[in-house]
N, C-alpha and C. Protein backbone atom coordinates (compact mmCIF):
# COMPACT_ATOMS: atom_id res chain seq x y z
N MET A 1 86.36 61.71 -21.39
CA MET A 1 84.90 61.52 -20.05
C MET A 1 85.26 63.16 -18.93
N ALA A 2 84.53 64.10 -18.74
CA ALA A 2 84.33 64.84 -17.86
C ALA A 2 84.57 64.49 -16.38
N MET A 3 85.54 65.36 -16.21
CA MET A 3 86.08 65.17 -14.61
C MET A 3 85.43 65.77 -13.51
N GLN A 4 84.94 64.84 -12.91
CA GLN A 4 84.23 65.27 -11.57
C GLN A 4 84.31 66.50 -11.01
N VAL A 5 83.75 67.09 -10.33
CA VAL A 5 84.50 68.73 -9.64
C VAL A 5 84.59 68.33 -8.35
N VAL A 6 82.94 67.81 -8.20
CA VAL A 6 82.67 67.84 -6.92
C VAL A 6 82.91 66.77 -6.50
N ALA A 7 83.12 66.17 -4.78
CA ALA A 7 83.47 64.64 -4.41
C ALA A 7 82.10 64.36 -4.00
N GLU A 8 82.01 62.70 -4.72
CA GLU A 8 80.54 62.27 -4.34
C GLU A 8 79.62 62.12 -3.47
N PRO A 9 80.30 62.21 -2.07
CA PRO A 9 79.59 62.56 -0.74
C PRO A 9 78.79 64.01 -0.64
N ILE A 10 79.63 65.16 -1.34
CA ILE A 10 79.29 66.66 -1.37
C ILE A 10 78.04 66.22 -2.06
N GLN A 11 78.31 65.66 -3.63
CA GLN A 11 77.28 65.93 -4.36
C GLN A 11 75.81 65.48 -4.06
N ARG A 12 76.31 64.03 -3.40
CA ARG A 12 74.99 63.44 -3.14
C ARG A 12 74.37 63.74 -1.89
N LEU A 13 74.94 65.03 -1.17
CA LEU A 13 74.85 65.73 -0.15
C LEU A 13 73.16 66.87 -0.81
N ILE A 14 74.32 67.60 -1.80
CA ILE A 14 73.30 68.16 -2.26
C ILE A 14 72.27 67.85 -3.28
N GLU A 15 72.41 66.52 -3.63
CA GLU A 15 71.07 66.16 -4.61
C GLU A 15 69.86 66.21 -3.66
N ALA A 16 70.18 65.37 -2.29
CA ALA A 16 69.33 65.64 -0.93
C ALA A 16 68.89 66.20 -0.74
N LEU A 17 69.60 67.78 -0.77
CA LEU A 17 68.96 68.88 -0.45
C LEU A 17 68.26 69.56 -1.25
N THR A 18 68.06 69.52 -2.05
CA THR A 18 67.55 70.12 -3.75
C THR A 18 65.87 69.57 -3.28
N ARG A 19 65.89 68.19 -2.68
CA ARG A 19 64.17 67.32 -2.59
C ARG A 19 63.82 68.40 -1.86
N LEU A 20 64.39 69.22 -0.89
CA LEU A 20 63.55 69.83 0.06
C LEU A 20 62.98 70.98 -0.27
N PRO A 21 61.72 71.34 0.04
CA PRO A 21 60.94 72.40 -0.47
C PRO A 21 62.13 73.87 -0.29
N GLY A 22 61.57 74.75 -1.47
CA GLY A 22 62.05 75.66 -1.49
C GLY A 22 64.04 75.54 -1.27
N ILE A 23 64.06 74.62 -1.69
CA ILE A 23 66.06 74.78 -1.82
C ILE A 23 66.13 74.28 -3.24
N GLY A 24 66.54 75.33 -3.86
CA GLY A 24 67.27 74.86 -5.27
C GLY A 24 68.51 74.84 -5.22
N PRO A 25 69.14 74.44 -6.50
CA PRO A 25 70.58 73.58 -6.67
C PRO A 25 71.30 75.09 -5.90
N LYS A 26 71.42 76.43 -6.01
CA LYS A 26 72.34 76.90 -5.70
C LYS A 26 72.16 77.10 -4.12
N SER A 27 71.20 77.06 -3.61
CA SER A 27 71.31 76.84 -2.17
C SER A 27 71.62 75.93 -1.35
N ALA A 28 71.29 74.42 -2.09
CA ALA A 28 71.79 73.67 -1.27
C ALA A 28 73.24 73.46 -1.70
N SER A 29 73.72 73.93 -2.72
CA SER A 29 75.27 73.91 -2.38
C SER A 29 76.17 74.80 -1.56
N ARG A 30 75.30 75.71 -1.31
CA ARG A 30 75.75 76.66 -0.03
C ARG A 30 75.96 76.19 1.27
N LEU A 31 74.54 75.19 1.25
CA LEU A 31 74.25 74.66 2.51
C LEU A 31 74.99 73.34 2.76
N ALA A 32 75.58 72.27 1.74
CA ALA A 32 76.79 71.69 1.72
C ALA A 32 77.96 72.28 1.87
N PHE A 33 78.46 73.07 1.53
CA PHE A 33 79.60 73.34 1.46
C PHE A 33 79.42 74.44 3.29
N TYR A 34 78.77 75.00 3.38
CA TYR A 34 78.40 75.69 4.79
C TYR A 34 78.61 74.08 6.19
N LEU A 35 77.84 73.27 6.34
CA LEU A 35 78.24 72.23 6.31
C LEU A 35 79.93 71.21 6.63
N LEU A 36 80.41 71.63 5.65
CA LEU A 36 81.35 71.09 5.73
C LEU A 36 82.84 72.03 6.57
N ARG A 37 81.72 73.20 6.72
CA ARG A 37 83.26 74.22 7.32
C ARG A 37 82.70 74.30 8.66
N ALA A 38 81.51 73.69 8.83
CA ALA A 38 81.18 73.74 10.41
C ALA A 38 81.57 72.98 11.70
N PRO A 39 81.60 73.68 12.80
CA PRO A 39 82.08 72.94 13.60
C PRO A 39 81.53 70.90 13.92
N ALA A 40 82.46 70.16 13.99
CA ALA A 40 81.60 68.80 13.98
C ALA A 40 80.45 68.59 14.61
N GLU A 41 80.29 69.42 16.33
CA GLU A 41 79.17 69.13 16.95
C GLU A 41 77.86 69.68 16.37
N GLN A 42 77.85 71.13 16.09
CA GLN A 42 77.27 71.56 15.14
C GLN A 42 76.15 70.34 13.90
N VAL A 43 76.92 69.75 13.47
CA VAL A 43 76.73 68.64 11.75
C VAL A 43 76.09 67.74 12.36
N GLN A 44 76.67 67.09 13.72
CA GLN A 44 76.02 65.93 14.57
C GLN A 44 75.09 66.45 15.00
N GLU A 45 74.51 67.64 15.82
CA GLU A 45 73.72 67.76 16.13
C GLU A 45 72.22 68.04 14.69
N LEU A 46 72.67 68.47 14.07
CA LEU A 46 71.61 68.42 13.18
C LEU A 46 71.49 66.85 12.33
N ALA A 47 72.60 66.28 12.01
CA ALA A 47 71.72 64.56 11.82
C ALA A 47 70.66 64.10 12.43
N ALA A 48 71.31 64.43 14.19
CA ALA A 48 70.75 63.45 15.50
C ALA A 48 68.93 64.29 15.28
N ALA A 49 69.07 65.36 15.04
CA ALA A 49 67.81 66.37 14.64
C ALA A 49 66.80 65.25 13.90
N ILE A 50 67.27 65.47 12.46
CA ILE A 50 67.04 64.95 11.17
C ILE A 50 66.34 63.75 11.85
N GLY A 51 67.57 62.67 12.44
CA GLY A 51 67.15 61.30 13.12
C GLY A 51 65.68 61.10 13.76
N GLU A 52 65.81 62.23 15.16
CA GLU A 52 64.96 62.00 15.68
C GLU A 52 63.34 61.94 15.47
N LEU A 53 62.83 62.96 14.37
CA LEU A 53 62.27 63.27 13.60
C LEU A 53 61.70 62.15 13.73
N GLN A 54 61.74 60.85 12.99
CA GLN A 54 61.16 59.60 12.48
C GLN A 54 60.62 58.94 13.92
N GLU A 55 61.86 59.04 14.68
CA GLU A 55 61.54 58.29 15.93
C GLU A 55 60.72 58.80 17.10
N SER A 56 60.34 60.09 17.19
CA SER A 56 59.66 60.62 18.20
C SER A 56 58.35 61.33 17.83
N ILE A 57 58.20 61.43 17.01
CA ILE A 57 57.35 62.53 16.35
C ILE A 57 55.87 61.87 15.89
N VAL A 58 54.78 61.45 16.27
CA VAL A 58 53.78 61.03 15.93
C VAL A 58 52.25 61.56 15.42
N TYR A 59 51.53 60.77 14.90
CA TYR A 59 50.44 61.66 14.59
C TYR A 59 49.47 61.48 15.23
N CYS A 60 48.88 62.59 16.21
CA CYS A 60 47.84 63.03 17.14
C CYS A 60 46.35 62.30 16.49
N SER A 61 46.24 60.80 16.74
CA SER A 61 45.12 60.26 16.84
C SER A 61 43.69 60.98 16.70
N ARG A 62 43.64 62.29 17.31
CA ARG A 62 42.24 62.84 17.52
C ARG A 62 42.29 64.01 16.46
N CYS A 63 43.16 64.33 16.35
CA CYS A 63 43.32 66.01 15.16
C CYS A 63 44.31 66.00 14.00
N GLN A 64 44.93 64.32 14.38
CA GLN A 64 45.81 64.18 12.87
C GLN A 64 46.67 65.52 13.02
N ASN A 65 47.41 66.30 13.89
CA ASN A 65 48.56 67.09 13.93
C ASN A 65 49.55 66.33 14.58
N LEU A 66 51.00 67.01 14.24
CA LEU A 66 52.22 65.84 14.31
C LEU A 66 52.68 66.60 15.79
N SER A 67 52.97 65.77 16.76
CA SER A 67 53.37 66.02 18.09
C SER A 67 54.65 64.77 18.77
N GLN A 68 54.43 64.84 19.92
CA GLN A 68 55.23 64.04 20.55
C GLN A 68 54.73 63.13 21.27
N GLN A 69 53.28 63.29 21.42
CA GLN A 69 52.34 62.39 22.07
C GLN A 69 51.24 62.14 21.57
N ASP A 70 50.34 61.58 22.11
CA ASP A 70 48.90 60.59 21.46
C ASP A 70 48.11 60.58 22.53
N PRO A 71 46.81 61.26 22.70
CA PRO A 71 46.53 62.86 21.97
C PRO A 71 47.66 63.65 22.54
N CYS A 72 47.78 64.67 21.38
CA CYS A 72 48.33 66.10 21.14
C CYS A 72 48.22 66.99 22.59
N GLU A 73 49.27 67.96 22.58
CA GLU A 73 49.33 69.11 23.74
C GLU A 73 47.86 69.33 23.77
N ILE A 74 47.18 70.27 22.32
CA ILE A 74 46.45 71.15 21.99
C ILE A 74 45.62 70.26 22.72
N CYS A 75 45.20 68.84 21.79
CA CYS A 75 43.73 67.80 22.69
C CYS A 75 43.76 67.53 23.66
N SER A 76 44.88 67.59 24.53
CA SER A 76 45.57 67.27 25.92
C SER A 76 44.48 68.65 26.59
N ASP A 77 44.66 69.79 26.36
CA ASP A 77 44.76 70.57 27.46
C ASP A 77 43.10 71.04 27.30
N PRO A 78 42.83 70.65 28.97
CA PRO A 78 40.82 71.31 29.14
C PRO A 78 40.64 72.53 29.43
N SER A 79 41.69 73.91 28.60
CA SER A 79 41.33 75.14 28.71
C SER A 79 40.73 75.13 27.40
N ARG A 80 41.06 74.41 26.49
CA ARG A 80 40.45 74.71 25.46
C ARG A 80 39.08 74.34 25.05
N ASP A 81 38.49 75.38 23.94
CA ASP A 81 36.95 75.15 23.66
C ASP A 81 36.84 73.79 22.66
N MET A 82 36.26 72.84 23.34
CA MET A 82 35.89 71.86 23.09
C MET A 82 34.85 71.71 21.70
N HIS A 83 34.18 72.91 21.72
CA HIS A 83 32.80 72.84 21.00
C HIS A 83 33.22 73.61 19.30
N ILE A 84 35.07 73.90 19.29
CA ILE A 84 35.26 74.44 17.85
C ILE A 84 36.39 73.01 17.35
N ILE A 85 36.38 73.32 16.18
CA ILE A 85 37.34 72.61 15.61
C ILE A 85 37.65 74.04 14.21
N CYS A 86 39.09 73.81 14.40
CA CYS A 86 39.55 74.68 13.32
C CYS A 86 40.26 73.18 12.17
N VAL A 87 39.78 73.64 11.18
CA VAL A 87 40.12 72.96 10.26
C VAL A 87 41.09 73.30 8.82
N VAL A 88 42.32 72.71 9.18
CA VAL A 88 43.46 73.47 8.36
C VAL A 88 44.11 72.64 7.59
N GLU A 89 44.86 72.75 6.30
CA GLU A 89 45.90 72.31 5.41
C GLU A 89 46.92 71.16 5.94
N GLU A 90 47.75 72.14 6.79
CA GLU A 90 48.73 71.59 7.14
C GLU A 90 49.29 71.64 9.00
N PRO A 91 50.49 70.97 9.33
CA PRO A 91 50.64 70.94 11.03
C PRO A 91 51.12 72.67 10.52
N LEU A 92 51.62 73.33 9.73
CA LEU A 92 52.56 74.45 10.23
C LEU A 92 51.12 75.42 10.19
N ASP A 93 50.06 75.08 9.63
CA ASP A 93 48.93 76.35 9.51
C ASP A 93 48.35 76.38 11.31
N VAL A 94 48.61 75.22 11.75
CA VAL A 94 48.52 74.90 13.42
C VAL A 94 49.16 76.49 14.24
N VAL A 95 50.54 76.29 13.65
CA VAL A 95 51.17 76.81 14.60
C VAL A 95 51.26 78.34 14.23
N ALA A 96 51.11 79.03 12.59
CA ALA A 96 50.29 80.29 12.28
C ALA A 96 49.57 80.50 13.32
N ILE A 97 48.32 79.71 13.16
CA ILE A 97 47.12 80.31 14.04
C ILE A 97 47.50 80.16 15.49
N GLU A 98 47.96 79.14 16.25
CA GLU A 98 48.31 79.48 17.58
C GLU A 98 49.21 80.87 17.85
N ARG A 99 50.21 81.44 17.18
CA ARG A 99 51.22 82.46 17.01
C ARG A 99 50.07 83.45 17.36
N THR A 100 48.87 83.68 16.69
CA THR A 100 48.07 85.00 16.76
C THR A 100 47.33 85.35 18.13
N GLY A 101 47.45 84.07 19.22
CA GLY A 101 46.51 84.07 20.70
C GLY A 101 45.23 84.41 20.53
N VAL A 102 44.97 83.76 19.39
CA VAL A 102 42.91 84.50 18.90
C VAL A 102 41.86 83.47 19.65
N TYR A 103 42.72 82.24 18.93
CA TYR A 103 41.53 81.29 18.30
C TYR A 103 41.92 80.30 19.50
N HIS A 104 41.09 79.45 21.02
CA HIS A 104 41.29 78.75 21.31
C HIS A 104 40.59 77.29 21.41
N GLY A 105 40.11 77.36 20.19
CA GLY A 105 39.34 75.92 20.20
C GLY A 105 40.46 74.73 19.60
N LEU A 106 39.97 73.78 19.17
CA LEU A 106 40.67 72.60 18.44
C LEU A 106 40.87 72.68 17.08
N TYR A 107 41.57 71.19 16.93
CA TYR A 107 42.02 71.86 15.34
C TYR A 107 41.54 70.41 14.80
N HIS A 108 41.79 70.28 13.67
CA HIS A 108 41.54 69.06 12.77
C HIS A 108 42.90 69.43 11.46
N VAL A 109 43.88 68.65 11.02
CA VAL A 109 44.89 68.74 9.91
C VAL A 109 44.53 67.74 8.76
N LEU A 110 43.92 68.27 7.90
CA LEU A 110 43.84 67.72 6.37
C LEU A 110 44.92 66.79 5.85
N HIS A 111 46.34 67.32 6.44
CA HIS A 111 47.52 67.02 5.45
C HIS A 111 47.46 67.41 3.95
N GLY A 112 46.90 68.59 3.83
CA GLY A 112 46.47 68.56 1.94
C GLY A 112 45.45 69.02 1.50
N VAL A 113 45.19 69.35 0.37
CA VAL A 113 43.68 69.83 -0.21
C VAL A 113 43.50 68.86 -0.92
N ILE A 114 42.65 68.54 -2.13
CA ILE A 114 41.86 68.16 -2.97
C ILE A 114 42.48 68.83 -4.25
N ASN A 115 43.63 68.00 -5.53
CA ASN A 115 43.72 68.47 -6.35
C ASN A 115 43.97 67.71 -7.36
N PRO A 116 42.69 67.54 -7.91
CA PRO A 116 42.76 66.34 -9.05
C PRO A 116 44.10 66.23 -10.36
N VAL A 117 44.54 68.21 -9.96
CA VAL A 117 45.67 67.39 -10.78
C VAL A 117 46.75 66.84 -10.66
N GLU A 118 47.21 67.01 -9.58
CA GLU A 118 47.84 66.20 -8.66
C GLU A 118 47.33 64.84 -8.04
N GLY A 119 46.60 64.58 -8.52
CA GLY A 119 45.92 63.06 -7.94
C GLY A 119 45.40 63.11 -6.73
N ILE A 120 45.60 64.26 -5.99
CA ILE A 120 44.79 64.27 -4.56
C ILE A 120 43.15 64.11 -4.45
N ARG A 121 42.68 62.89 -4.03
CA ARG A 121 41.50 62.97 -3.89
C ARG A 121 40.88 63.10 -2.51
N PRO A 122 39.45 63.52 -2.22
CA PRO A 122 39.00 63.56 -0.91
C PRO A 122 39.27 62.46 0.12
N GLU A 123 39.81 61.15 -0.64
CA GLU A 123 39.82 59.75 0.53
C GLU A 123 41.05 59.54 0.98
N ASP A 124 42.20 60.82 0.13
CA ASP A 124 43.82 60.74 0.09
C ASP A 124 44.05 61.69 1.70
N LEU A 125 42.71 62.70 2.15
CA LEU A 125 42.97 63.61 2.85
C LEU A 125 42.55 63.23 4.04
N ARG A 126 42.87 63.65 5.74
CA ARG A 126 41.71 63.13 6.73
C ARG A 126 40.57 63.98 6.88
N ILE A 127 40.00 63.10 5.98
CA ILE A 127 38.67 63.74 5.93
C ILE A 127 37.81 62.76 6.92
N GLU A 128 37.61 61.62 6.42
CA GLU A 128 36.94 60.61 7.68
C GLU A 128 36.88 60.84 8.93
N SER A 129 38.41 61.28 9.44
CA SER A 129 38.59 61.21 10.74
C SER A 129 37.44 62.45 11.36
N LEU A 130 37.57 63.40 10.25
CA LEU A 130 36.86 64.78 10.74
C LEU A 130 35.60 64.61 11.04
N LEU A 131 34.88 63.83 9.81
CA LEU A 131 33.55 63.44 9.99
C LEU A 131 32.92 62.62 11.33
N GLU A 132 34.16 61.75 11.89
CA GLU A 132 33.83 61.00 12.81
C GLU A 132 34.03 61.88 13.98
N ARG A 133 34.72 62.70 14.05
CA ARG A 133 34.96 64.06 15.52
C ARG A 133 33.65 64.18 15.66
N LYS A 134 32.98 64.86 14.43
CA LYS A 134 31.30 65.67 14.32
C LYS A 134 30.27 64.71 14.84
N GLU A 135 30.32 63.40 14.98
CA GLU A 135 29.26 62.77 15.62
C GLU A 135 29.93 62.54 16.91
N LYS A 136 31.12 62.20 17.43
CA LYS A 136 31.20 61.92 18.46
C LYS A 136 31.55 62.62 19.61
N GLU A 137 31.55 64.19 19.10
CA GLU A 137 32.35 64.97 19.91
C GLU A 137 31.09 65.66 19.72
N PRO A 138 31.30 67.13 21.35
CA PRO A 138 30.14 67.88 21.48
C PRO A 138 30.58 69.28 20.42
N ILE A 139 30.61 69.34 18.77
CA ILE A 139 30.83 70.03 18.03
C ILE A 139 30.12 70.83 17.58
N ARG A 140 29.88 72.56 17.41
CA ARG A 140 29.10 73.53 17.41
C ARG A 140 29.41 74.01 16.56
N GLU A 141 30.76 74.15 16.30
CA GLU A 141 31.45 74.93 15.07
C GLU A 141 32.44 74.64 14.25
N VAL A 142 32.67 74.30 13.03
CA VAL A 142 33.56 73.77 12.06
C VAL A 142 34.09 75.11 11.89
N LEU A 143 35.36 75.60 12.08
CA LEU A 143 35.89 76.97 11.10
C LEU A 143 36.97 76.36 9.99
N ILE A 144 37.10 76.46 8.63
CA ILE A 144 37.76 76.17 7.61
C ILE A 144 38.59 77.05 7.56
N ALA A 145 39.46 76.32 7.22
CA ALA A 145 40.91 77.57 7.68
C ALA A 145 41.42 77.37 6.59
N THR A 146 41.56 76.58 5.70
CA THR A 146 42.11 76.20 4.23
C THR A 146 42.69 77.36 3.62
N ASN A 147 44.07 77.36 3.03
CA ASN A 147 44.39 78.53 2.19
C ASN A 147 43.72 79.06 0.98
N PRO A 148 43.60 80.37 0.81
CA PRO A 148 42.80 81.07 0.05
C PRO A 148 43.38 80.97 -1.73
N THR A 149 43.44 79.38 -2.00
CA THR A 149 43.81 79.31 -3.32
C THR A 149 42.93 78.53 -3.45
N MET A 150 42.78 78.35 -5.32
CA MET A 150 41.84 77.52 -6.33
C MET A 150 41.45 76.01 -5.20
N GLU A 151 42.30 75.38 -4.64
CA GLU A 151 42.44 74.00 -4.11
C GLU A 151 41.69 74.24 -2.84
N GLY A 152 41.81 75.14 -2.21
CA GLY A 152 41.78 75.16 -0.89
C GLY A 152 40.66 75.77 -0.87
N GLU A 153 39.94 76.60 -1.69
CA GLU A 153 38.75 76.91 -1.52
C GLU A 153 37.69 75.35 -2.03
N ALA A 154 38.03 74.91 -3.14
CA ALA A 154 37.52 73.57 -3.63
C ALA A 154 37.31 72.99 -2.45
N THR A 155 38.31 72.86 -1.74
CA THR A 155 38.37 71.57 -0.15
C THR A 155 37.66 71.81 0.52
N ALA A 156 37.30 73.45 1.08
CA ALA A 156 36.45 74.12 1.95
C ALA A 156 34.78 74.11 1.54
N MET A 157 34.23 73.98 0.16
CA MET A 157 33.40 74.03 -0.15
C MET A 157 32.88 72.60 -0.10
N TYR A 158 33.92 71.45 -0.37
CA TYR A 158 33.34 69.94 -0.02
C TYR A 158 33.36 69.98 1.16
N LEU A 159 34.09 70.39 2.05
CA LEU A 159 34.08 70.09 3.93
C LEU A 159 32.70 70.78 4.00
N ALA A 160 32.39 71.96 3.88
CA ALA A 160 31.06 72.60 3.87
C ALA A 160 30.24 71.62 3.60
N ARG A 161 29.61 71.29 2.68
CA ARG A 161 28.74 70.71 1.85
C ARG A 161 28.41 69.36 3.06
N LEU A 162 29.85 68.53 3.64
CA LEU A 162 29.98 67.35 3.96
C LEU A 162 29.27 67.59 5.85
N LEU A 163 29.64 68.82 5.93
CA LEU A 163 29.42 69.27 7.39
C LEU A 163 28.37 69.92 8.14
N ARG A 164 27.67 70.22 7.21
CA ARG A 164 26.41 70.99 7.04
C ARG A 164 25.05 70.65 8.19
N SER A 165 25.00 69.23 7.95
CA SER A 165 23.88 68.74 8.71
C SER A 165 24.10 68.24 10.42
N GLY A 166 23.02 68.13 10.80
CA GLY A 166 23.45 67.96 12.27
C GLY A 166 23.25 69.18 13.30
N GLY A 167 22.92 70.26 12.68
CA GLY A 167 23.40 71.71 13.55
C GLY A 167 24.65 71.87 13.91
N VAL A 168 25.76 71.83 13.31
CA VAL A 168 26.93 72.12 13.15
C VAL A 168 26.93 73.83 12.35
N ARG A 169 27.58 74.74 12.99
CA ARG A 169 27.75 75.82 12.25
C ARG A 169 29.12 75.50 11.32
N VAL A 170 29.35 76.31 10.06
CA VAL A 170 30.41 75.91 9.33
C VAL A 170 31.17 77.41 9.15
N THR A 171 32.09 78.03 8.82
CA THR A 171 32.44 79.22 9.00
C THR A 171 33.58 79.03 8.45
N ARG A 172 34.40 80.23 7.62
CA ARG A 172 35.45 80.11 7.09
C ARG A 172 36.07 81.51 7.32
N LEU A 173 37.43 81.29 7.51
CA LEU A 173 38.62 82.72 7.77
C LEU A 173 38.05 83.61 7.21
N ALA A 174 37.71 85.15 7.59
CA ALA A 174 37.22 86.09 6.57
C ALA A 174 38.21 86.20 5.55
N ARG A 175 37.94 87.04 4.75
CA ARG A 175 39.24 87.57 3.60
C ARG A 175 40.17 88.72 3.87
N GLY A 176 40.71 88.23 4.94
CA GLY A 176 42.12 89.08 5.80
C GLY A 176 42.80 88.93 5.09
N LEU A 177 43.17 87.56 4.61
CA LEU A 177 44.27 86.52 3.55
C LEU A 177 44.61 87.00 2.58
N PRO A 178 45.41 87.11 2.01
CA PRO A 178 45.50 87.03 0.24
C PRO A 178 45.32 86.39 -0.32
N VAL A 179 44.85 86.15 -1.74
CA VAL A 179 44.11 84.83 -2.15
C VAL A 179 45.70 84.51 -2.86
N GLY A 180 45.69 83.36 -2.64
CA GLY A 180 46.79 82.65 -3.50
C GLY A 180 48.00 82.27 -2.06
N GLY A 181 47.55 82.88 -1.03
CA GLY A 181 48.67 83.19 -0.26
C GLY A 181 48.62 81.64 0.89
N ASP A 182 49.63 81.24 1.53
CA ASP A 182 49.86 80.59 2.58
C ASP A 182 49.63 81.40 4.04
N LEU A 183 49.23 80.05 5.02
CA LEU A 183 48.61 80.61 6.38
C LEU A 183 49.78 81.05 6.96
N GLU A 184 51.22 79.72 7.04
CA GLU A 184 52.18 79.82 7.75
C GLU A 184 52.97 80.65 7.46
N TYR A 185 52.70 82.02 6.23
CA TYR A 185 53.74 82.93 5.78
C TYR A 185 52.49 84.15 6.27
N ALA A 186 51.36 84.11 6.85
CA ALA A 186 50.67 85.57 6.79
C ALA A 186 51.46 85.68 8.49
N ASP A 187 50.89 87.62 8.40
CA ASP A 187 51.64 88.07 9.91
C ASP A 187 50.49 88.13 11.03
N GLU A 188 50.51 87.56 12.01
CA GLU A 188 49.74 87.95 13.35
C GLU A 188 48.56 88.66 12.94
N VAL A 189 48.34 89.98 12.82
CA VAL A 189 47.35 90.88 12.84
C VAL A 189 46.73 90.47 11.67
N THR A 190 47.19 89.87 10.25
CA THR A 190 46.29 89.49 9.45
C THR A 190 45.44 88.20 9.74
N LEU A 191 46.19 87.31 10.30
CA LEU A 191 45.35 85.67 10.94
C LEU A 191 44.71 86.28 11.91
N SER A 192 44.85 87.05 13.07
CA SER A 192 44.02 87.75 14.08
C SER A 192 42.54 88.11 13.32
N ARG A 193 42.38 88.87 12.47
CA ARG A 193 41.73 89.57 11.71
C ARG A 193 40.66 88.26 11.33
N ALA A 194 41.27 87.54 10.25
CA ALA A 194 40.79 86.27 9.42
C ALA A 194 40.08 85.53 10.23
N LEU A 195 40.68 85.64 11.55
CA LEU A 195 40.20 84.35 12.56
C LEU A 195 38.64 85.60 13.40
N GLU A 196 38.89 86.53 13.56
CA GLU A 196 37.79 87.17 14.34
C GLU A 196 36.32 87.65 13.19
N GLY A 197 36.87 87.94 11.87
CA GLY A 197 35.77 87.85 11.07
C GLY A 197 35.34 86.72 10.29
N ARG A 198 35.56 85.70 10.06
CA ARG A 198 34.86 84.36 9.93
C ARG A 198 33.43 84.57 9.71
N ARG A 199 33.00 83.99 8.79
CA ARG A 199 31.34 84.07 8.11
C ARG A 199 31.05 82.54 8.01
N GLU A 200 29.76 82.71 7.73
CA GLU A 200 29.05 80.88 7.72
C GLU A 200 29.04 80.76 6.30
N MET A 201 29.65 79.36 5.79
CA MET A 201 29.53 79.35 4.69
C MET A 201 28.20 78.61 4.09
């Protein structure tokens, strides 16, 4: 029987960390051993922040973004342009677009894209609530800002087909974004140009 080199609590932490996106076994091990050496207050602060996520974060009932309040800060802001909705895949995409300072409308977060390979169908996304908003709110334009991947493009085409009726203009981010890239990693200049150069679908 092989001797256990790493203590069980450390091994459990390493395994938990490897389940996070972008964290492999080596990174997880480094993080685990860093936390062992870190001051107790720092570790407790991290644990409290993680615990607070589940308790204090809610989905905005209007745009489906993550927030501490419902409706969220953006939906509650009277200075936002209520006539345009930017549809994004994930909450991180809202953060990326907001950093540009160019867009001043509302958002709608799908929480994913259509991906038959992974079993993600249109009904698994927050599309129904987007269609309800189109009917109830004074929307004149829907800007589709899904990532320029095969799945993002398929989702954009699907949404465009659903949204075109009723005098709503459907636009897409311009091709300032690299194909296969994610919005959250795009720099502000690239995203600004993509927003300003959006086009009809």
